Amino acid sequence: MNAYELILLLDPKLGEEKIGLAGTKIEEKIKALGGSEIKTEKWGMRKLASIVKKAKGITQAYYVLIRFQSAPNLPAELKAFLKVNENVVRYFVSKAVEVAPVEERIEGKPLEAVNVGEIKSLEEEAELGKP
């Protein structure tokens, strides 16, 4: 089983109730195809950066993120379902990658702030007699 992320852009003309039903329908399809551990995040209405050919005249879309676990063949079947779904303006399915929190990635001692006048090369310190 692999972890996947699905980002959906739904037609804003649907309204909150139908958008919720469309999200539920897609979650049910993922379960029917063998997906598990489904988690949904609704990001809300956002402005589109460019015009989408499929939905002429739409400048905003409702964004939904769905995370799930599935076999490697499920994303292809899900894409076929989303391609014909008229409520979906655009979609993107990818493998989920876990990123370690920032605190865990930093190694070594933290950097110290210095004044510009304090920066000296090792040769200058040797001339001044500092080890």
C-alpha atoms as a PDB file:
ATOM      1  CA  MET A   1       0.000   0.000   0.000  1.00  0.00           C
ATOM      2  CA  ASN A   2       1.234   3.459  -0.928  1.00  0.00           C
ATOM      3  CA  ALA A   3       0.204   6.843   0.446  1.00  0.00           C
ATOM      4  CA  TYR A   4      -1.357   9.235  -2.074  1.00  0.00           C
ATOM      5  CA  GLU A   5      -2.671  12.801  -2.142  1.00  0.00           C
ATOM      6  CA  LEU A   6      -5.501  14.002  -4.364  1.00  0.00           C
ATOM      7  CA  ILE A   7      -6.057  17.731  -4.849  1.00  0.00           C
ATOM      8  CA  LEU A   8      -9.439  18.607  -6.344  1.00  0.00           C
ATOM      9  CA  LEU A   9     -10.642  21.884  -7.789  1.00  0.00           C
ATOM     10  CA  LEU A  10     -14.427  21.848  -7.698  1.00  0.00           C
ATOM     11  CA  ASP A  11     -16.830  24.150  -9.525  1.00  0.00           C
ATOM     12  CA  PRO A  12     -17.764  27.017  -7.152  1.00  0.00           C
ATOM     13  CA  LYS A  13     -21.223  27.335  -8.738  1.00  0.00           C
ATOM     14  CA  LEU A  14     -22.277  24.125  -6.984  1.00  0.00           C
ATOM     15  CA  GLY A  15     -22.593  25.683  -3.517  1.00  0.00           C
ATOM     16  CA  GLU A  16     -21.432  24.325  -0.161  1.00  0.00           C
ATOM     17  CA  GLU A  17     -23.967  21.472   0.066  1.00  0.00           C
ATOM     18  CA  LYS A  18     -23.278  20.009  -3.389  1.00  0.00           C
ATOM     19  CA  ILE A  19     -19.527  20.468  -2.951  1.00  0.00           C
ATOM     20  CA  GLY A  20     -19.753  18.392   0.244  1.00  0.00           C
ATOM     21  CA  LEU A  21     -21.741  15.707  -1.594  1.00  0.00           C
ATOM     22  CA  ALA A  22     -19.212  15.672  -4.464  1.00  0.00           C
ATOM     23  CA  GLY A  23     -16.361  15.206  -1.971  1.00  0.00           C
ATOM     24  CA  THR A  24     -18.242  12.391  -0.229  1.00  0.00           C
ATOM     25  CA  LYS A  25     -18.937  10.697  -3.565  1.00  0.00           C
ATOM     26  CA  ILE A  26     -15.227  10.777  -4.458  1.00  0.00           C
ATOM     27  CA  GLU A  27     -14.288   9.385  -1.019  1.00  0.00           C
ATOM     28  CA  GLU A  28     -16.784   6.542  -1.527  1.00  0.00           C
ATOM     29  CA  LYS A  29     -15.269   5.826  -4.953  1.00  0.00           C
ATOM     30  CA  ILE A  30     -11.792   5.617  -3.379  1.00  0.00           C
ATOM     31  CA  LYS A  31     -13.136   3.141  -0.783  1.00  0.00           C
ATOM     32  CA  ALA A  32     -14.889   1.114  -3.501  1.00  0.00           C
ATOM     33  CA  LEU A  33     -11.626   0.858  -5.452  1.00  0.00           C
ATOM     34  CA  GLY A  34      -9.817  -0.463  -2.357  1.00  0.00           C
ATOM     35  CA  GLY A  35      -8.448   2.702  -0.743  1.00  0.00           C
ATOM     36  CA  SER A  36      -8.233   3.142   3.028  1.00  0.00           C
ATOM     37  CA  GLU A  37      -7.314   5.675   5.736  1.00  0.00           C
ATOM     38  CA  ILE A  38      -9.048   8.497   3.899  1.00  0.00           C
ATOM     39  CA  LYS A  39      -8.527  11.986   5.367  1.00  0.00           C
ATOM     40  CA  THR A  40     -10.131  15.060   3.802  1.00  0.00           C
ATOM     41  CA  GLU A  41      -9.130  18.704   4.214  1.00  0.00           C
ATOM     42  CA  LYS A  42     -11.349  21.404   2.747  1.00  0.00           C
ATOM     43  CA  TRP A  43      -9.220  24.403   1.810  1.00  0.00           C
ATOM     44  CA  GLY A  44     -12.145  26.522   0.667  1.00  0.00           C
ATOM     45  CA  MET A  45     -12.562  28.966  -2.189  1.00  0.00           C
ATOM     46  CA  ARG A  46      -9.384  30.267  -3.847  1.00  0.00           C
ATOM     47  CA  LYS A  47      -8.626  32.360  -6.885  1.00  0.00           C
ATOM     48  CA  LEU A  48      -7.212  30.477  -9.890  1.00  0.00           C
ATOM     49  CA  ALA A  49      -3.822  31.523 -11.236  1.00  0.00           C
ATOM     50  CA  SER A  50      -4.832  30.778 -14.836  1.00  0.00           C
ATOM     51  CA  ILE A  51      -7.910  30.008 -16.904  1.00  0.00           C
ATOM     52  CA  VAL A  52      -8.938  26.351 -17.117  1.00  0.00           C
ATOM     53  CA  LYS A  53     -10.136  25.245 -20.571  1.00  0.00           C
ATOM     54  CA  LYS A  54     -12.619  22.721 -19.154  1.00  0.00           C
ATOM     55  CA  ALA A  55     -14.502  25.377 -17.173  1.00  0.00           C
ATOM     56  CA  LYS A  56     -14.760  28.602 -19.134  1.00  0.00           C
ATOM     57  CA  GLY A  57     -15.397  31.743 -17.161  1.00  0.00           C
ATOM     58  CA  ILE A  58     -14.366  30.334 -13.793  1.00  0.00           C
ATOM     59  CA  THR A  59     -11.902  32.535 -11.909  1.00  0.00           C
ATOM     60  CA  GLN A  60     -12.250  30.741  -8.545  1.00  0.00           C
ATOM     61  CA  ALA A  61     -12.511  27.117  -7.451  1.00  0.00           C
ATOM     62  CA  TYR A  62     -13.192  25.214  -4.240  1.00  0.00           C
ATOM     63  CA  TYR A  63     -10.044  23.295  -3.207  1.00  0.00           C
ATOM     64  CA  VAL A  64     -10.177  19.907  -1.443  1.00  0.00           C
ATOM     65  CA  LEU A  65      -7.223  17.723  -0.381  1.00  0.00           C
ATOM     66  CA  ILE A  66      -7.841  13.998   0.110  1.00  0.00           C
ATOM     67  CA  ARG A  67      -5.095  11.748   1.534  1.00  0.00           C
ATOM     68  CA  PHE A  68      -5.465   7.978   1.264  1.00  0.00           C
ATOM     69  CA  GLN A  69      -3.643   4.631   1.218  1.00  0.00           C
ATOM     70  CA  SER A  70      -4.085   2.309  -1.749  1.00  0.00           C
ATOM     71  CA  ALA A  71      -2.595  -0.167  -4.156  1.00  0.00           C
ATOM     72  CA  PRO A  72      -0.537   1.292  -7.040  1.00  0.00           C
ATOM     73  CA  ASN A  73      -3.318   0.720  -9.603  1.00  0.00           C
ATOM     74  CA  LEU A  74      -5.967   2.847  -7.835  1.00  0.00           C
ATOM     75  CA  PRO A  75      -4.749   6.315  -8.993  1.00  0.00           C
ATOM     76  CA  ALA A  76      -5.196   5.393 -12.673  1.00  0.00           C
ATOM     77  CA  GLU A  77      -8.743   4.163 -12.046  1.00  0.00           C
ATOM     78  CA  LEU A  78      -9.513   7.240  -9.948  1.00  0.00           C
ATOM     79  CA  LYS A  79      -8.233   9.555 -12.699  1.00  0.00           C
ATOM     80  CA  ALA A  80     -10.580   7.884 -15.194  1.00  0.00           C
ATOM     81  CA  PHE A  81     -13.499   8.542 -12.814  1.00  0.00           C
ATOM     82  CA  LEU A  82     -12.509  12.174 -12.175  1.00  0.00           C
ATOM     83  CA  LYS A  83     -11.990  12.895 -15.869  1.00  0.00           C
ATOM     84  CA  VAL A  84     -15.689  12.374 -16.628  1.00  0.00           C
ATOM     85  CA  ASN A  85     -17.004  13.978 -13.424  1.00  0.00           C
ATOM     86  CA  GLU A  86     -18.561  17.313 -14.441  1.00  0.00           C
ATOM     87  CA  ASN A  87     -18.216  18.841 -10.950  1.00  0.00           C
ATOM     88  CA  VAL A  88     -14.410  18.510 -10.982  1.00  0.00           C
ATOM     89  CA  VAL A  89     -12.684  21.419 -12.735  1.00  0.00           C
ATOM     90  CA  ARG A  90      -9.170  20.011 -12.267  1.00  0.00           C
ATOM     91  CA  TYR A  91      -7.441  17.284 -10.221  1.00  0.00           C
ATOM     92  CA  PHE A  92      -3.940  16.151  -9.312  1.00  0.00           C
ATOM     93  CA  VAL A  93      -2.996  12.758  -7.823  1.00  0.00           C
ATOM     94  CA  SER A  94       0.515  12.147  -6.485  1.00  0.00           C
ATOM     95  CA  LYS A  95       2.398   9.925  -4.086  1.00  0.00           C
ATOM     96  CA  ALA A  96       2.557  11.477  -0.642  1.00  0.00           C
ATOM     97  CA  VAL A  97       6.019  12.232   0.694  1.00  0.00           C
ATOM     98  CA  GLU A  98       6.559  12.735   4.397  1.00  0.00           C
ATOM     99  CA  VAL A  99       8.851  15.616   5.299  1.00  0.00           C
ATOM    100  CA  ALA A 100      10.555  15.736   8.700  1.00  0.00           C
ATOM    101  CA  PRO A 101       9.742  18.772  10.854  1.00  0.00           C
ATOM    102  CA  VAL A 102      12.242  21.633  10.606  1.00  0.00           C
ATOM    103  CA  GLU A 103      13.648  21.071  14.118  1.00  0.00           C
ATOM    104  CA  GLU A 104      14.662  17.497  13.278  1.00  0.00           C
ATOM    105  CA  ARG A 105      16.384  18.404   9.983  1.00  0.00           C
ATOM    106  CA  ILE A 106      18.792  20.988  11.397  1.00  0.00           C
ATOM    107  CA  GLU A 107      22.038  19.450  12.585  1.00  0.00           C
ATOM    108  CA  GLY A 108      25.046  21.010  14.278  1.00  0.00           C
ATOM    109  CA  LYS A 109      25.221  24.090  16.417  1.00  0.00           C
ATOM    110  CA  PRO A 110      22.945  27.028  15.621  1.00  0.00           C
ATOM    111  CA  LEU A 111      24.385  30.061  13.873  1.00  0.00           C
ATOM    112  CA  GLU A 112      25.349  33.053  15.968  1.00  0.00           C
ATOM    113  CA  ALA A 113      24.658  36.649  14.996  1.00  0.00           C
ATOM    114  CA  VAL A 114      27.745  38.866  14.711  1.00  0.00           C
ATOM    115  CA  ASN A 115      28.421  42.486  13.851  1.00  0.00           C
ATOM    116  CA  VAL A 116      30.105  43.103  10.514  1.00  0.00           C
ATOM    117  CA  GLY A 117      33.177  44.556  12.243  1.00  0.00           C
ATOM    118  CA  GLU A 118      33.666  41.302  14.176  1.00  0.00           C
ATOM    119  CA  ILE A 119      34.140  39.095  11.129  1.00  0.00           C
ATOM    120  CA  LYS A 120      37.819  38.279  10.706  1.00  0.00           C
ATOM    121  CA  SER A 121      39.646  35.634   8.791  1.00  0.00           C
ATOM    122  CA  LEU A 122      41.675  32.938  10.515  1.00  0.00           C
ATOM    123  CA  GLU A 123      44.921  34.607   9.308  1.00  0.00           C
ATOM    124  CA  GLU A 124      43.994  37.906  10.972  1.00  0.00           C
ATOM    125  CA  GLU A 125      43.244  36.115  14.230  1.00  0.00           C
ATOM    126  CA  ALA A 126      46.640  34.361  14.070  1.00  0.00           C
ATOM    127  CA  GLU A 127      48.388  37.728  13.570  1.00  0.00           C
ATOM    128  CA  LEU A 128      46.609  39.143  16.605  1.00  0.00           C
ATOM    129  CA  GLY A 129      47.771  36.202  18.678  1.00  0.00           C
ATOM    130  CA  LYS A 130      44.375  34.566  19.192  1.00  0.00           C
ATOM    131  CA  PRO A 131      44.231  30.782  18.916  1.00  0.00           C
END
